[in-house]
């Protein structure tokens, strides 16, 4: 790496803690969230509170959900 690249490269520590919420305890606000569904795993889906549905080209029945993490600094 050249000296110039060292000076212009941004240092970014990405530490993500995912705080999973049990769907029995609370549901998310409208928008995209992470979900965990037994037998499927983790996915990014949209939650719509008016319909009480998690969906993204299909409907899901997750046990837990979490807010999406912030994107990395650029």
Protein backbone atom coordinates (compact mmCIF):
# COMPACT_ATOMS: atom_id res chain seq x y z
CA UNK A 1 0.00 0.00 0.00
CA UNK A 2 1.38 3.40 -0.91
CA UNK A 3 1.73 6.20 1.60
CA UNK A 4 -1.02 8.11 -0.23
CA UNK A 5 -3.46 5.18 0.14
CA UNK A 6 -2.68 4.90 3.85
CA UNK A 7 -3.65 8.52 4.35
CA UNK A 8 -6.89 8.39 2.36
CA UNK A 9 -8.12 4.98 3.52
CA UNK A 10 -10.83 5.24 6.15
CA UNK A 11 -10.61 3.04 9.18
CA UNK A 12 -13.92 1.41 10.02
CA UNK A 13 -14.62 -1.00 12.81
CA UNK A 14 -17.84 -2.86 12.18
CA UNK A 15 -19.24 -4.36 15.34
CA UNK A 16 -22.80 -5.52 14.97
CA UNK A 17 -24.86 -6.86 17.80
CA UNK A 18 -28.15 -8.26 16.62
CA UNK A 19 -30.86 -7.87 19.23
CA UNK A 20 -33.40 -10.52 18.33
CA UNK A 21 -36.97 -9.89 19.51
CA UNK A 22 -39.42 -12.73 20.04
CA UNK A 23 -42.47 -12.18 17.81
CA UNK A 24 -44.68 -13.20 20.75
CA UNK A 25 -43.34 -10.23 22.75
CA UNK A 26 -43.36 -7.43 20.16
CA UNK A 27 -43.69 -6.89 16.41
CA UNK A 28 -41.64 -4.37 14.39
CA UNK A 29 -42.68 -1.09 12.83
CA UNK A 30 -43.43 -1.11 9.11
CA UNK A 31 -40.36 -1.66 6.96
CA UNK A 32 -37.57 -4.12 6.25
CA UNK A 33 -36.25 -6.28 9.08
CA UNK A 34 -34.26 -9.45 9.63
CA UNK A 35 -36.32 -12.49 10.55
CA UNK A 36 -35.46 -15.94 11.79
CA UNK A 37 -37.78 -18.76 10.78
CA UNK A 38 -37.20 -22.33 11.93
CA UNK A 39 -36.25 -24.52 8.99
CA UNK A 40 -35.50 -21.52 6.75
CA UNK A 41 -32.97 -19.45 8.69
CA UNK A 42 -32.34 -15.70 8.50
CA UNK A 43 -33.86 -13.52 5.77
CA UNK A 44 -34.51 -9.85 5.05
CA UNK A 45 -38.24 -9.29 4.62
CA UNK A 46 -40.79 -6.49 4.78
CA UNK A 47 -43.22 -6.20 7.68
CA UNK A 48 -46.59 -4.53 7.17
CA UNK A 49 -48.44 -3.80 10.41
CA UNK A 50 -51.84 -3.13 8.80
CA UNK A 51 -51.88 -6.70 7.50
CA UNK A 52 -49.74 -8.12 10.33
CA UNK A 53 -47.58 -9.85 7.69
CA UNK A 54 -43.92 -10.53 7.05
CA UNK A 55 -43.33 -10.95 3.30
CA UNK A 56 -40.86 -10.79 0.41
CA UNK A 57 -42.07 -12.74 -2.63
CA UNK A 58 -43.61 -15.16 -0.12
CA UNK A 59 -45.19 -15.02 3.32
CA UNK A 60 -43.22 -16.01 6.41
CA UNK A 61 -43.99 -17.11 9.93
CA UNK A 62 -40.87 -16.13 11.91
CA UNK A 63 -40.19 -16.78 15.57
CA UNK A 64 -37.88 -13.73 15.94
CA UNK A 65 -37.08 -10.46 14.19
CA UNK A 66 -34.36 -7.75 14.42
CA UNK A 67 -33.69 -4.30 13.03
CA UNK A 68 -31.38 -4.19 10.00
CA UNK A 69 -27.82 -3.18 10.94
CA UNK A 70 -26.48 0.17 9.79
CA UNK A 71 -24.45 0.03 6.55
CA UNK A 72 -20.64 0.24 6.75
CA UNK A 73 -18.98 3.64 6.64
CA UNK A 74 -17.60 4.47 3.23
